[in-house]
């Protein structure tokens, strides 16, 4: 995509995104023999220069090639392409989940566009975009009507971002003055000029508020992902939020398709167990199977601006949970059933 802006000083070098065949196998949920066979097949097809023999690590482009060879049929079977991560309570981990899943999908050969709709720009920061006020952002798309392609930054092959900045703190006033203010982002995404048809997934991160900006993110998505911390305060506000969202969606004549992602689960605490049990009782159809357990690797990932999949030990519960969540996310996007692996279903 020639129109994408290049940022030469990304804080995360491409060299950070390298994977062993065993890491690829865990991500793919395939045994190493299958991965070895795919690598060998690609080496014969593309030559030694593309996939050097004996190399212990594959770079991001080589990794994506292996996955493309594995998952080509899935790319044409995605029904829910646009996803919004939302909760009007702060601290639930929605940005973290959006970041981990977006990067995993890109590693797996999918083409992913992330859109940061949070003025704090945490997703922008996690993806290595330096803090510079002169970058065009999602503000320029929604208010100044700049084409999406003009503000899109390439993080690495397969992953792009439309960044955010503090300018979004000033967006409510101009948005409120626009006709059909809640559908501006949807209109931009559907525009032929936006070239969003090239993406397999579009992932929208939001801030913890009920605002016109977030209303655009809610109206634009095909699946709403409500990230809920397994904590009493998160649960107490969830039913109220769901009721309000259902009212808004009905008023705006749009079907509400949502899932609840349980996050920061602590198996040893009775409170977490109880909250998860309530989620699975009250939102039986919507609560996903995968539970993201509390793990220090998630905090390390944020600190290092590096996805868990790039550094965590093979026994890491964070890696296990993110991989399960990634596969369940793909299954949900295809409208397919999902079978969890590696993690005992809690509660």
C-alpha atoms as a PDB file:
ATOM      1  CA  UNK A   1       0.000   0.000   0.000  1.00  0.00           C
ATOM      2  CA  UNK A   2       2.049   2.908  -1.279  1.00  0.00           C
ATOM      3  CA  UNK A   3      -0.074   5.565   0.411  1.00  0.00           C
ATOM      4  CA  UNK A   4       0.802   4.385   3.924  1.00  0.00           C
ATOM      5  CA  UNK A   5       3.125   6.680   5.791  1.00  0.00           C
ATOM      6  CA  UNK A   6       6.482   5.291   6.814  1.00  0.00           C
ATOM      7  CA  UNK A   7       7.773   6.039  10.287  1.00  0.00           C
ATOM      8  CA  UNK A   8      11.538   5.412  10.248  1.00  0.00           C
ATOM      9  CA  UNK A   9      11.939   5.691  14.027  1.00  0.00           C
ATOM     10  CA  UNK A  10       9.511   3.069  15.294  1.00  0.00           C
ATOM     11  CA  UNK A  11      10.399   2.264  18.894  1.00  0.00           C
ATOM     12  CA  UNK A  12      10.236  -1.495  18.220  1.00  0.00           C
ATOM     13  CA  UNK A  13      12.663  -2.821  15.569  1.00  0.00           C
ATOM     14  CA  UNK A  14      11.429  -5.496  13.180  1.00  0.00           C
ATOM     15  CA  UNK A  15      14.200  -7.746  14.519  1.00  0.00           C
ATOM     16  CA  UNK A  16      12.150  -8.131  17.709  1.00  0.00           C
ATOM     17  CA  UNK A  17       9.531 -10.142  15.837  1.00  0.00           C
ATOM     18  CA  UNK A  18      11.277 -13.477  15.295  1.00  0.00           C
ATOM     19  CA  UNK A  19       9.973 -16.973  16.028  1.00  0.00           C
ATOM     20  CA  UNK A  20      11.311 -20.493  16.332  1.00  0.00           C
ATOM     21  CA  UNK A  21       9.433 -23.327  14.678  1.00  0.00           C
ATOM     22  CA  UNK A  22       8.304 -24.529  18.097  1.00  0.00           C
ATOM     23  CA  UNK A  23       6.847 -21.070  18.837  1.00  0.00           C
ATOM     24  CA  UNK A  24       5.048 -21.132  15.491  1.00  0.00           C
ATOM     25  CA  UNK A  25       3.737 -24.603  16.310  1.00  0.00           C
ATOM     26  CA  UNK A  26       2.312 -23.415  19.626  1.00  0.00           C
ATOM     27  CA  UNK A  27       0.689 -20.409  17.944  1.00  0.00           C
ATOM     28  CA  UNK A  28      -0.783 -22.582  15.207  1.00  0.00           C
ATOM     29  CA  UNK A  29      -1.797 -25.327  17.660  1.00  0.00           C
ATOM     30  CA  UNK A  30      -0.004 -27.773  15.378  1.00  0.00           C
ATOM     31  CA  UNK A  31       2.744 -30.276  16.178  1.00  0.00           C
ATOM     32  CA  UNK A  32       6.283 -29.473  15.143  1.00  0.00           C
ATOM     33  CA  UNK A  33       6.322 -32.077  12.358  1.00  0.00           C
ATOM     34  CA  UNK A  34       3.525 -30.236  10.551  1.00  0.00           C
ATOM     35  CA  UNK A  35       5.380 -26.929  10.882  1.00  0.00           C
ATOM     36  CA  UNK A  36       8.652 -28.486   9.699  1.00  0.00           C
ATOM     37  CA  UNK A  37       6.834 -29.858   6.672  1.00  0.00           C
ATOM     38  CA  UNK A  38       5.356 -26.447   5.860  1.00  0.00           C
ATOM     39  CA  UNK A  39       8.718 -24.724   6.238  1.00  0.00           C
ATOM     40  CA  UNK A  40      10.364 -27.331   3.990  1.00  0.00           C
ATOM     41  CA  UNK A  41       7.600 -26.929   1.408  1.00  0.00           C
ATOM     42  CA  UNK A  42       7.985 -23.152   1.386  1.00  0.00           C
ATOM     43  CA  UNK A  43      11.778 -23.452   1.156  1.00  0.00           C
ATOM     44  CA  UNK A  44      11.439 -25.605  -1.950  1.00  0.00           C
ATOM     45  CA  UNK A  45       8.947 -23.192  -3.461  1.00  0.00           C
ATOM     46  CA  UNK A  46      10.634 -19.893  -2.585  1.00  0.00           C
ATOM     47  CA  UNK A  47      14.264 -20.926  -2.397  1.00  0.00           C
ATOM     48  CA  UNK A  48      17.038 -20.768   0.175  1.00  0.00           C
ATOM     49  CA  UNK A  49      17.220 -16.991   0.042  1.00  0.00           C
ATOM     50  CA  UNK A  50      13.654 -16.636   1.326  1.00  0.00           C
ATOM     51  CA  UNK A  51      13.965 -19.396   3.934  1.00  0.00           C
ATOM     52  CA  UNK A  52      17.634 -20.172   4.680  1.00  0.00           C
ATOM     53  CA  UNK A  53      18.310 -23.777   5.626  1.00  0.00           C
ATOM     54  CA  UNK A  54      19.418 -24.292   9.192  1.00  0.00           C
ATOM     55  CA  UNK A  55      18.173 -20.930  10.467  1.00  0.00           C
ATOM     56  CA  UNK A  56      16.812 -21.347  13.992  1.00  0.00           C
ATOM     57  CA  UNK A  57      14.515 -18.325  13.857  1.00  0.00           C
ATOM     58  CA  UNK A  58      12.080 -17.049  11.246  1.00  0.00           C
ATOM     59  CA  UNK A  59      11.520 -13.325  10.816  1.00  0.00           C
ATOM     60  CA  UNK A  60       8.064 -11.779  10.613  1.00  0.00           C
ATOM     61  CA  UNK A  61       7.722 -12.168   6.829  1.00  0.00           C
ATOM     62  CA  UNK A  62       8.863 -15.816   6.915  1.00  0.00           C
ATOM     63  CA  UNK A  63       6.561 -16.548   9.858  1.00  0.00           C
ATOM     64  CA  UNK A  64       3.607 -15.052   8.009  1.00  0.00           C
ATOM     65  CA  UNK A  65       4.436 -17.153   4.954  1.00  0.00           C
ATOM     66  CA  UNK A  66       4.299 -20.336   7.041  1.00  0.00           C
ATOM     67  CA  UNK A  67       0.919 -19.351   8.482  1.00  0.00           C
ATOM     68  CA  UNK A  68      -0.456 -18.303   5.097  1.00  0.00           C
ATOM     69  CA  UNK A  69       0.385 -21.793   3.931  1.00  0.00           C
ATOM     70  CA  UNK A  70      -1.578 -23.188   6.893  1.00  0.00           C
ATOM     71  CA  UNK A  71      -4.569 -20.846   7.091  1.00  0.00           C
ATOM     72  CA  UNK A  72      -5.247 -19.672   3.544  1.00  0.00           C
ATOM     73  CA  UNK A  73      -8.813 -21.029   3.536  1.00  0.00           C
ATOM     74  CA  UNK A  74      -9.696 -19.190   6.752  1.00  0.00           C
ATOM     75  CA  UNK A  75      -9.009 -15.747   5.260  1.00  0.00           C
ATOM     76  CA  UNK A  76     -11.930 -16.083   2.853  1.00  0.00           C
ATOM     77  CA  UNK A  77     -14.288 -17.305   5.602  1.00  0.00           C
ATOM     78  CA  UNK A  78     -14.293 -14.305   7.976  1.00  0.00           C
ATOM     79  CA  UNK A  79     -17.805 -13.005   8.609  1.00  0.00           C
ATOM     80  CA  UNK A  80     -17.094 -10.486  11.383  1.00  0.00           C
ATOM     81  CA  UNK A  81     -14.201  -8.346  10.214  1.00  0.00           C
ATOM     82  CA  UNK A  82     -14.569  -5.146  12.264  1.00  0.00           C
ATOM     83  CA  UNK A  83     -14.130  -5.510  16.034  1.00  0.00           C
ATOM     84  CA  UNK A  84     -14.409  -2.944  18.806  1.00  0.00           C
ATOM     85  CA  UNK A  85     -12.975  -3.476  22.291  1.00  0.00           C
ATOM     86  CA  UNK A  86     -15.029  -1.599  24.857  1.00  0.00           C
ATOM     87  CA  UNK A  87     -15.998  -1.135  28.474  1.00  0.00           C
ATOM     88  CA  UNK A  88     -16.870   2.170  30.094  1.00  0.00           C
ATOM     89  CA  UNK A  89     -15.027   1.070  33.220  1.00  0.00           C
ATOM     90  CA  UNK A  90     -11.297   1.765  33.120  1.00  0.00           C
ATOM     91  CA  UNK A  91      -8.589  -0.761  33.936  1.00  0.00           C
ATOM     92  CA  UNK A  92     -10.341  -3.854  32.585  1.00  0.00           C
ATOM     93  CA  UNK A  93      -7.509  -4.546  30.117  1.00  0.00           C
ATOM     94  CA  UNK A  94      -9.275  -3.872  26.810  1.00  0.00           C
ATOM     95  CA  UNK A  95      -6.246  -2.156  25.226  1.00  0.00           C
ATOM     96  CA  UNK A  96      -3.965  -5.002  26.327  1.00  0.00           C
ATOM     97  CA  UNK A  97      -6.295  -7.620  24.847  1.00  0.00           C
ATOM     98  CA  UNK A  98      -6.710  -5.638  21.629  1.00  0.00           C
ATOM     99  CA  UNK A  99      -2.916  -5.341  21.340  1.00  0.00           C
ATOM    100  CA  UNK A 100      -2.173  -9.017  22.037  1.00  0.00           C
ATOM    101  CA  UNK A 101      -4.842 -10.308  19.618  1.00  0.00           C
ATOM    102  CA  UNK A 102      -4.041  -7.803  16.845  1.00  0.00           C
ATOM    103  CA  UNK A 103      -0.356  -8.725  16.852  1.00  0.00           C
ATOM    104  CA  UNK A 104      -1.085 -12.460  17.047  1.00  0.00           C
ATOM    105  CA  UNK A 105      -3.419 -12.277  14.037  1.00  0.00           C
ATOM    106  CA  UNK A 106      -0.754 -10.378  12.093  1.00  0.00           C
ATOM    107  CA  UNK A 107       1.887 -12.977  13.006  1.00  0.00           C
ATOM    108  CA  UNK A 108      -0.518 -15.659  11.755  1.00  0.00           C
ATOM    109  CA  UNK A 109      -0.623 -14.215   8.251  1.00  0.00           C
ATOM    110  CA  UNK A 110      -3.755 -12.075   8.519  1.00  0.00           C
ATOM    111  CA  UNK A 111      -3.701  -8.456   7.419  1.00  0.00           C
ATOM    112  CA  UNK A 112      -4.761  -6.313  10.373  1.00  0.00           C
ATOM    113  CA  UNK A 113      -5.635  -2.632  10.736  1.00  0.00           C
ATOM    114  CA  UNK A 114      -5.784  -1.240  14.270  1.00  0.00           C
ATOM    115  CA  UNK A 115      -7.551   2.034  15.041  1.00  0.00           C
ATOM    116  CA  UNK A 116      -6.746   3.810  18.302  1.00  0.00           C
ATOM    117  CA  UNK A 117      -9.771   5.804  19.527  1.00  0.00           C
ATOM    118  CA  UNK A 118      -8.363   6.473  22.991  1.00  0.00           C
ATOM    119  CA  UNK A 119      -6.943   9.990  23.644  1.00  0.00           C
ATOM    120  CA  UNK A 120      -4.375   8.390  25.977  1.00  0.00           C
ATOM    121  CA  UNK A 121      -2.984   6.603  22.890  1.00  0.00           C
ATOM    122  CA  UNK A 122      -1.893   3.491  24.781  1.00  0.00           C
ATOM    123  CA  UNK A 123      -2.342   1.203  21.769  1.00  0.00           C
ATOM    124  CA  UNK A 124      -0.379   3.657  19.623  1.00  0.00           C
ATOM    125  CA  UNK A 125       2.422   3.586  22.196  1.00  0.00           C
ATOM    126  CA  UNK A 126       2.382  -0.225  22.528  1.00  0.00           C
ATOM    127  CA  UNK A 127       2.822  -0.547  18.767  1.00  0.00           C
ATOM    128  CA  UNK A 128       5.942   1.588  18.933  1.00  0.00           C
ATOM    129  CA  UNK A 129       4.726   4.861  17.462  1.00  0.00           C
ATOM    130  CA  UNK A 130       6.801   7.713  18.966  1.00  0.00           C
ATOM    131  CA  UNK A 131       4.896  10.548  20.623  1.00  0.00           C
ATOM    132  CA  UNK A 132       4.893  13.318  18.055  1.00  0.00           C
ATOM    133  CA  UNK A 133       2.133  15.891  17.827  1.00  0.00           C
ATOM    134  CA  UNK A 134       2.486  16.365  14.075  1.00  0.00           C
ATOM    135  CA  UNK A 135       1.208  12.877  13.182  1.00  0.00           C
ATOM    136  CA  UNK A 136      -2.231  12.865  11.560  1.00  0.00           C
ATOM    137  CA  UNK A 137      -4.511  10.702  13.705  1.00  0.00           C
ATOM    138  CA  UNK A 138      -8.044   9.327  13.792  1.00  0.00           C
ATOM    139  CA  UNK A 139      -9.072  12.907  14.680  1.00  0.00           C
ATOM    140  CA  UNK A 140      -8.072  13.972  11.172  1.00  0.00           C
ATOM    141  CA  UNK A 141     -10.160  11.152   9.712  1.00  0.00           C
ATOM    142  CA  UNK A 142     -13.338  11.941  11.659  1.00  0.00           C
ATOM    143  CA  UNK A 143     -13.169  15.742  11.813  1.00  0.00           C
ATOM    144  CA  UNK A 144     -10.970  16.853   8.916  1.00  0.00           C
ATOM    145  CA  UNK A 145     -12.223  14.095   6.595  1.00  0.00           C
ATOM    146  CA  UNK A 146      -8.765  12.863   5.678  1.00  0.00           C
ATOM    147  CA  UNK A 147      -8.776   9.496   3.920  1.00  0.00           C
ATOM    148  CA  UNK A 148      -7.866   6.508   6.112  1.00  0.00           C
ATOM    149  CA  UNK A 149      -5.005   5.609   3.804  1.00  0.00           C
ATOM    150  CA  UNK A 150      -3.438   9.030   4.394  1.00  0.00           C
ATOM    151  CA  UNK A 151      -3.096   8.546   8.140  1.00  0.00           C
ATOM    152  CA  UNK A 152      -2.279   4.824   8.257  1.00  0.00           C
ATOM    153  CA  UNK A 153       1.133   3.812   9.571  1.00  0.00           C
ATOM    154  CA  UNK A 154       2.762   0.448   8.829  1.00  0.00           C
ATOM    155  CA  UNK A 155       4.091  -1.184  12.008  1.00  0.00           C
ATOM    156  CA  UNK A 156       5.327  -4.257  10.137  1.00  0.00           C
ATOM    157  CA  UNK A 157       4.150  -6.323   7.196  1.00  0.00           C
ATOM    158  CA  UNK A 158       0.617  -7.395   8.107  1.00  0.00           C
ATOM    159  CA  UNK A 159      -0.054  -4.840  10.849  1.00  0.00           C
ATOM    160  CA  UNK A 160      -1.063  -1.198  10.356  1.00  0.00           C
ATOM    161  CA  UNK A 161      -2.362   1.448  12.731  1.00  0.00           C
ATOM    162  CA  UNK A 162      -4.334   4.664  12.563  1.00  0.00           C
ATOM    163  CA  UNK A 163      -2.849   6.334  15.648  1.00  0.00           C
ATOM    164  CA  UNK A 164      -4.310   8.491  18.383  1.00  0.00           C
ATOM    165  CA  UNK A 165      -3.080  11.463  20.354  1.00  0.00           C
ATOM    166  CA  UNK A 166      -4.300  13.947  22.951  1.00  0.00           C
ATOM    167  CA  UNK A 167      -6.036  15.799  20.106  1.00  0.00           C
ATOM    168  CA  UNK A 168      -8.918  13.359  20.619  1.00  0.00           C
ATOM    169  CA  UNK A 169      -9.772  15.116  23.888  1.00  0.00           C
ATOM    170  CA  UNK A 170     -11.122  17.947  21.703  1.00  0.00           C
ATOM    171  CA  UNK A 171     -13.144  15.799  19.302  1.00  0.00           C
ATOM    172  CA  UNK A 172     -16.565  15.742  20.978  1.00  0.00           C
ATOM    173  CA  UNK A 173     -17.552  19.313  20.082  1.00  0.00           C
ATOM    174  CA  UNK A 174     -16.901  19.080  16.311  1.00  0.00           C
ATOM    175  CA  UNK A 175     -18.452  15.592  16.155  1.00  0.00           C
ATOM    176  CA  UNK A 176     -21.630  16.825  17.853  1.00  0.00           C
ATOM    177  CA  UNK A 177     -22.142  19.362  15.078  1.00  0.00           C
ATOM    178  CA  UNK A 178     -22.069  16.773  12.278  1.00  0.00           C
ATOM    179  CA  UNK A 179     -24.999  15.121  10.527  1.00  0.00           C
ATOM    180  CA  UNK A 180     -25.380  11.444  11.518  1.00  0.00           C
ATOM    181  CA  UNK A 181     -22.482  11.957  13.864  1.00  0.00           C
ATOM    182  CA  UNK A 182     -22.543   8.321  15.080  1.00  0.00           C
ATOM    183  CA  UNK A 183     -21.823   6.850  11.632  1.00  0.00           C
ATOM    184  CA  UNK A 184     -18.853   8.894  10.440  1.00  0.00           C
ATOM    185  CA  UNK A 185     -16.270   6.170  11.106  1.00  0.00           C
ATOM    186  CA  UNK A 186     -18.506   3.514   9.549  1.00  0.00           C
ATOM    187  CA  UNK A 187     -18.913   5.667   6.447  1.00  0.00           C
ATOM    188  CA  UNK A 188     -15.136   6.160   6.215  1.00  0.00           C
ATOM    189  CA  UNK A 189     -14.474   2.431   6.585  1.00  0.00           C
ATOM    190  CA  UNK A 190     -17.008   1.603   3.874  1.00  0.00           C
ATOM    191  CA  UNK A 191     -15.641   4.176   1.441  1.00  0.00           C
ATOM    192  CA  UNK A 192     -13.997   2.613  -1.612  1.00  0.00           C
ATOM    193  CA  UNK A 193     -11.224   5.168  -1.298  1.00  0.00           C
ATOM    194  CA  UNK A 194     -10.323   3.880   2.179  1.00  0.00           C
ATOM    195  CA  UNK A 195      -8.985   0.595   0.759  1.00  0.00           C
ATOM    196  CA  UNK A 196     -10.032  -1.281   3.915  1.00  0.00           C
ATOM    197  CA  UNK A 197     -11.074  -4.254   1.780  1.00  0.00           C
ATOM    198  CA  UNK A 198      -7.429  -5.366   1.842  1.00  0.00           C
ATOM    199  CA  UNK A 199      -7.657  -6.095   5.585  1.00  0.00           C
ATOM    200  CA  UNK A 200      -8.838  -9.357   7.124  1.00  0.00           C
ATOM    201  CA  UNK A 201      -9.469  -7.690  10.488  1.00  0.00           C
ATOM    202  CA  UNK A 202     -10.046  -4.125  11.665  1.00  0.00           C
ATOM    203  CA  UNK A 203      -9.538  -3.747  15.432  1.00  0.00           C
ATOM    204  CA  UNK A 204     -10.794  -0.610  17.213  1.00  0.00           C
ATOM    205  CA  UNK A 205      -9.610   0.282  20.707  1.00  0.00           C
ATOM    206  CA  UNK A 206     -11.659   2.727  22.796  1.00  0.00           C
ATOM    207  CA  UNK A 207     -11.412   4.749  25.976  1.00  0.00           C
ATOM    208  CA  UNK A 208     -13.556   4.084  29.080  1.00  0.00           C
ATOM    209  CA  UNK A 209     -16.391   6.508  28.362  1.00  0.00           C
ATOM    210  CA  UNK A 210     -19.766   6.720  26.680  1.00  0.00           C
ATOM    211  CA  UNK A 211     -19.040   9.422  24.098  1.00  0.00           C
ATOM    212  CA  UNK A 212     -19.795  10.323  20.494  1.00  0.00           C
ATOM    213  CA  UNK A 213     -16.311   9.079  19.576  1.00  0.00           C
ATOM    214  CA  UNK A 214     -16.974   5.685  21.147  1.00  0.00           C
ATOM    215  CA  UNK A 215     -20.446   5.660  19.635  1.00  0.00           C
ATOM    216  CA  UNK A 216     -18.712   5.754  16.246  1.00  0.00           C
ATOM    217  CA  UNK A 217     -16.598   2.758  17.266  1.00  0.00           C
ATOM    218  CA  UNK A 218     -19.728   0.910  18.443  1.00  0.00           C
ATOM    219  CA  UNK A 219     -21.644   1.590  15.229  1.00  0.00           C
ATOM    220  CA  UNK A 220     -18.706   0.661  12.991  1.00  0.00           C
ATOM    221  CA  UNK A 221     -18.082  -2.807  14.447  1.00  0.00           C
ATOM    222  CA  UNK A 222     -19.552  -6.164  13.474  1.00  0.00           C
ATOM    223  CA  UNK A 223     -18.585  -7.680  16.815  1.00  0.00           C
ATOM    224  CA  UNK A 224     -18.326  -5.847  20.116  1.00  0.00           C
ATOM    225  CA  UNK A 225     -15.788  -7.310  22.544  1.00  0.00           C
ATOM    226  CA  UNK A 226     -16.561  -6.354  26.148  1.00  0.00           C
ATOM    227  CA  UNK A 227     -13.475  -6.999  28.262  1.00  0.00           C
ATOM    228  CA  UNK A 228     -14.568  -7.632  31.861  1.00  0.00           C
ATOM    229  CA  UNK A 229     -12.176  -7.928  34.776  1.00  0.00           C
ATOM    230  CA  UNK A 230     -13.222 -10.748  37.129  1.00  0.00           C
ATOM    231  CA  UNK A 231     -13.679  -8.270  39.956  1.00  0.00           C
ATOM    232  CA  UNK A 232     -16.879  -7.201  41.780  1.00  0.00           C
ATOM    233  CA  UNK A 233     -16.684  -3.585  40.569  1.00  0.00           C
ATOM    234  CA  UNK A 234     -16.390  -4.684  36.945  1.00  0.00           C
ATOM    235  CA  UNK A 235     -19.339  -7.023  37.294  1.00  0.00           C
ATOM    236  CA  UNK A 236     -21.554  -4.487  39.067  1.00  0.00           C
ATOM    237  CA  UNK A 237     -21.383  -2.069  36.136  1.00  0.00           C
ATOM    238  CA  UNK A 238     -21.579  -4.670  33.382  1.00  0.00           C
ATOM    239  CA  UNK A 239     -25.337  -5.286  33.394  1.00  0.00           C
ATOM    240  CA  UNK A 240     -26.043  -1.540  33.420  1.00  0.00           C
ATOM    241  CA  UNK A 241     -23.663  -1.010  30.508  1.00  0.00           C
ATOM    242  CA  UNK A 242     -25.124  -3.890  28.482  1.00  0.00           C
ATOM    243  CA  UNK A 243     -28.662  -2.564  29.034  1.00  0.00           C
ATOM    244  CA  UNK A 244     -27.619   0.912  27.906  1.00  0.00           C
ATOM    245  CA  UNK A 245     -25.822  -0.450  24.842  1.00  0.00           C
ATOM    246  CA  UNK A 246     -28.836  -2.555  23.892  1.00  0.00           C
ATOM    247  CA  UNK A 247     -31.030   0.540  24.134  1.00  0.00           C
ATOM    248  CA  UNK A 248     -28.647   2.572  21.966  1.00  0.00           C
ATOM    249  CA  UNK A 249     -28.282  -0.156  19.344  1.00  0.00           C
ATOM    250  CA  UNK A 250     -32.060  -0.583  19.169  1.00  0.00           C
ATOM    251  CA  UNK A 251     -32.597   3.168  18.872  1.00  0.00           C
ATOM    252  CA  UNK A 252     -30.081   3.359  16.045  1.00  0.00           C
ATOM    253  CA  UNK A 253     -31.581   0.263  14.384  1.00  0.00           C
ATOM    254  CA  UNK A 254     -28.469  -1.878  14.519  1.00  0.00           C
ATOM    255  CA  UNK A 255     -28.155  -5.445  15.799  1.00  0.00           C
ATOM    256  CA  UNK A 256     -25.944  -5.820  18.849  1.00  0.00           C
ATOM    257  CA  UNK A 257     -23.507  -8.702  18.463  1.00  0.00           C
ATOM    258  CA  UNK A 258     -21.273  -8.870  21.527  1.00  0.00           C
ATOM    259  CA  UNK A 259     -19.055 -11.217  23.509  1.00  0.00           C
ATOM    260  CA  UNK A 260     -17.714 -10.924  27.054  1.00  0.00           C
ATOM    261  CA  UNK A 261     -13.996 -11.642  27.557  1.00  0.00           C
ATOM    262  CA  UNK A 262     -13.161 -12.535  31.206  1.00  0.00           C
ATOM    263  CA  UNK A 263      -9.814 -10.976  32.105  1.00  0.00           C
ATOM    264  CA  UNK A 264      -7.364 -10.900  35.041  1.00  0.00           C
ATOM    265  CA  UNK A 265      -8.754 -14.125  36.471  1.00  0.00           C
ATOM    266  CA  UNK A 266      -7.179 -15.457  39.681  1.00  0.00           C
ATOM    267  CA  UNK A 267      -8.027 -19.136  40.116  1.00  0.00           C
ATOM    268  CA  UNK A 268      -6.978 -19.195  43.767  1.00  0.00           C
ATOM    269  CA  UNK A 269      -9.383 -16.471  44.861  1.00  0.00           C
ATOM    270  CA  UNK A 270     -13.009 -17.210  45.656  1.00  0.00           C
ATOM    271  CA  UNK A 271     -14.025 -13.770  44.356  1.00  0.00           C
ATOM    272  CA  UNK A 272     -12.679 -14.379  40.847  1.00  0.00           C
ATOM    273  CA  UNK A 273     -14.300 -17.814  40.761  1.00  0.00           C
ATOM    274  CA  UNK A 274     -17.621 -16.351  41.855  1.00  0.00           C
ATOM    275  CA  UNK A 275     -17.516 -13.507  39.317  1.00  0.00           C
ATOM    276  CA  UNK A 276     -16.673 -15.886  36.481  1.00  0.00           C
ATOM    277  CA  UNK A 277     -19.537 -18.135  37.559  1.00  0.00           C
ATOM    278  CA  UNK A 278     -21.958 -15.195  37.453  1.00  0.00           C
ATOM    279  CA  UNK A 279     -20.708 -14.154  33.996  1.00  0.00           C
ATOM    280  CA  UNK A 280     -21.279 -17.650  32.658  1.00  0.00           C
ATOM    281  CA  UNK A 281     -24.720 -17.796  34.223  1.00  0.00           C
ATOM    282  CA  UNK A 282     -26.021 -14.328  33.328  1.00  0.00           C
ATOM    283  CA  UNK A 283     -24.276 -14.126  29.928  1.00  0.00           C
ATOM    284  CA  UNK A 284     -24.182 -17.796  29.034  1.00  0.00           C
ATOM    285  CA  UNK A 285     -24.301 -17.278  25.275  1.00  0.00           C
ATOM    286  CA  UNK A 286     -21.966 -14.288  25.209  1.00  0.00           C
ATOM    287  CA  UNK A 287     -19.138 -15.188  27.635  1.00  0.00           C
ATOM    288  CA  UNK A 288     -16.322 -16.808  25.692  1.00  0.00           C
ATOM    289  CA  UNK A 289     -14.665 -20.034  26.797  1.00  0.00           C
ATOM    290  CA  UNK A 290     -11.135 -18.665  27.104  1.00  0.00           C
ATOM    291  CA  UNK A 291     -10.292 -16.977  30.399  1.00  0.00           C
ATOM    292  CA  UNK A 292      -7.311 -14.635  30.528  1.00  0.00           C
ATOM    293  CA  UNK A 293      -5.570 -15.337  33.810  1.00  0.00           C
ATOM    294  CA  UNK A 294      -3.624 -12.746  35.736  1.00  0.00           C
ATOM    295  CA  UNK A 295       0.063 -13.150  34.893  1.00  0.00           C
ATOM    296  CA  UNK A 296       3.170 -11.016  35.251  1.00  0.00           C
ATOM    297  CA  UNK A 297       4.089 -11.714  31.610  1.00  0.00           C
ATOM    298  CA  UNK A 298       1.223  -9.411  30.571  1.00  0.00           C
ATOM    299  CA  UNK A 299       2.765  -6.567  32.584  1.00  0.00           C
ATOM    300  CA  UNK A 300       6.212  -7.330  31.167  1.00  0.00           C
ATOM    301  CA  UNK A 301       4.713  -7.272  27.672  1.00  0.00           C
ATOM    302  CA  UNK A 302       3.351  -3.770  28.239  1.00  0.00           C
ATOM    303  CA  UNK A 303       6.631  -2.543  29.715  1.00  0.00           C
ATOM    304  CA  UNK A 304       8.717  -3.939  26.845  1.00  0.00           C
ATOM    305  CA  UNK A 305       6.186  -3.012  24.144  1.00  0.00           C
ATOM    306  CA  UNK A 306       6.506  -6.583  22.923  1.00  0.00           C
ATOM    307  CA  UNK A 307       3.685  -9.119  22.529  1.00  0.00           C
ATOM    308  CA  UNK A 308       3.681 -12.040  24.963  1.00  0.00           C
ATOM    309  CA  UNK A 309       4.117 -14.421  22.013  1.00  0.00           C
ATOM    310  CA  UNK A 310       7.530 -12.915  21.239  1.00  0.00           C
ATOM    311  CA  UNK A 311       9.237 -13.535  24.571  1.00  0.00           C
ATOM    312  CA  UNK A 312       7.235 -15.627  27.058  1.00  0.00           C
ATOM    313  CA  UNK A 313       8.423 -19.025  28.242  1.00  0.00           C
ATOM    314  CA  UNK A 314       6.670 -22.009  26.655  1.00  0.00           C
ATOM    315  CA  UNK A 315       5.078 -22.755  30.048  1.00  0.00           C
ATOM    316  CA  UNK A 316       3.711 -19.225  30.424  1.00  0.00           C
ATOM    317  CA  UNK A 317      -0.012 -19.170  31.223  1.00  0.00           C
ATOM    318  CA  UNK A 318      -0.212 -15.784  29.495  1.00  0.00           C
ATOM    319  CA  UNK A 319       1.050 -17.286  26.245  1.00  0.00           C
ATOM    320  CA  UNK A 320      -1.332 -20.225  26.618  1.00  0.00           C
ATOM    321  CA  UNK A 321      -4.320 -17.956  27.231  1.00  0.00           C
ATOM    322  CA  UNK A 322      -3.523 -15.497  24.431  1.00  0.00           C
ATOM    323  CA  UNK A 323      -3.125 -18.348  21.930  1.00  0.00           C
ATOM    324  CA  UNK A 324      -6.453 -19.859  23.006  1.00  0.00           C
ATOM    325  CA  UNK A 325      -8.104 -16.445  22.844  1.00  0.00           C
ATOM    326  CA  UNK A 326      -6.658 -15.818  19.385  1.00  0.00           C
ATOM    327  CA  UNK A 327      -8.063 -19.079  18.046  1.00  0.00           C
ATOM    328  CA  UNK A 328     -11.430 -18.526  19.708  1.00  0.00           C
ATOM    329  CA  UNK A 329     -11.454 -15.011  18.266  1.00  0.00           C
ATOM    330  CA  UNK A 330     -10.888 -16.406  14.761  1.00  0.00           C
ATOM    331  CA  UNK A 331     -13.614 -19.024  15.297  1.00  0.00           C
ATOM    332  CA  UNK A 332     -16.100 -16.383  16.484  1.00  0.00           C
ATOM    333  CA  UNK A 333     -15.233 -14.184  13.512  1.00  0.00           C
ATOM    334  CA  UNK A 334     -16.049 -17.109  11.232  1.00  0.00           C
ATOM    335  CA  UNK A 335     -19.224 -18.014  13.108  1.00  0.00           C
ATOM    336  CA  UNK A 336     -17.715 -21.411  13.992  1.00  0.00           C
ATOM    337  CA  UNK A 337     -17.700 -23.428  17.251  1.00  0.00           C
ATOM    338  CA  UNK A 338     -14.482 -23.379  19.270  1.00  0.00           C
ATOM    339  CA  UNK A 339     -12.840 -26.146  21.295  1.00  0.00           C
ATOM    340  CA  UNK A 340     -10.508 -24.891  24.006  1.00  0.00           C
ATOM    341  CA  UNK A 341      -7.153 -26.621  24.478  1.00  0.00           C
ATOM    342  CA  UNK A 342      -4.458 -26.562  27.106  1.00  0.00           C
ATOM    343  CA  UNK A 343      -6.476 -24.658  29.678  1.00  0.00           C
ATOM    344  CA  UNK A 344      -8.974 -26.285  31.986  1.00  0.00           C
ATOM    345  CA  UNK A 345     -12.255 -24.465  31.759  1.00  0.00           C
ATOM    346  CA  UNK A 346     -12.577 -22.497  34.940  1.00  0.00           C
ATOM    347  CA  UNK A 347     -15.695 -22.393  37.058  1.00  0.00           C
END
